[in-house]
Amino acid sequence: MPVYPCPECGAQLRPANPVPPGKKLRCPKCATVFAPATAAAGAAQPARPAPEPAPRPAAEDEEGGTYSLAHEDAEAEKTEAAALNEAVFSPIKDRFKRSARGPALIQVVRPSDWLLRTGVSICVAAILGAGWAVWPMIFKVELVQPEDKMARFRPQQEGRRFKELTEDEWRERWLFLGGFVFQFAWGAVVCVGASKMHTLESYPLAVIGSVMAMAGPGVPAGIYMLQDALKTDDTYWAFVSILLLTLPGVPMSLWCLSTLRREDVRAGFAEEKPED
């Protein structure tokens, strides 16, 4: 059986009959059309004594001839190339250690962003609460008397009158102000923990910030409303105060803590941050 090698990919074409001069073959592997160098290259080969294997599906060239590929030679070439690649690249395949910070950063980006938003909202709520606490201490509230149509016929009364805070009210306002200052510092620690979690710099601070986020921005207002609701036995305002005490701090804290407990995240914290 004559053998015609493809000049492009080297595949061995074995047509059933010799190709007459002037005719061309099409390689089924790379679709290259070429004219055989000689039509008698394989005709002179002696017949093999061994029985021929079962014929494989034959393809026809553009001239009507049939041929098949020498798959055994192609498989041998692939095996040899794979062995060569393995010998060349295996020494350098694991030369550099894979960083654990990349997978960890993917896990902490979203929870740390929302933790930072929670810390900022705590600080904003503290600023608003401090303003509410000091307002009556700085600005006087005028006592407006009801209109008296007979005032013109009476002796002239004193001028404008303002409400004066009692000693207990002064003490209460100072306590509120101190509590809101403490809340602002609380929110600042939450923000620092969120920042450290986002950059994988300090695992303890990230855990502390996540735990402190349980006390969300509505905790002071929730405590104040819950006290009034318990005194008046008002179920509606008690439910509202419980929502202020738990949202959004508790779900946010649990989300961040569950993320920090992941093995890949802890490995990212343990790995030293690369220098810029």
Foldseek 3Di string as FASTA:
>chain_A
DDWAADPPPRWIKAWPAFDDPPAWFADPPPRDIDGGPDRCRGVPDDDDPDDDPDDDDWDAGPVGITIDTPVVVVVVVVVVVVVVVCVVCVVPVPVDPDALQVVLLVLLQVLLVVLLVQLVLLLVLLVVQLCVLCVCVVDWAWDDDDDDPCQVVDPDDDDTHTDDDDPVSVVVSVVSNVVSVVSNVLSVLLNVLSVCLNVLADLVSVLVSLVSLQQTNLQVVLVVQCVVCVVVVPPVSPVVSVCSNGPPRPVSSVSSVVSSPDPSNVSSSVDDDDDD
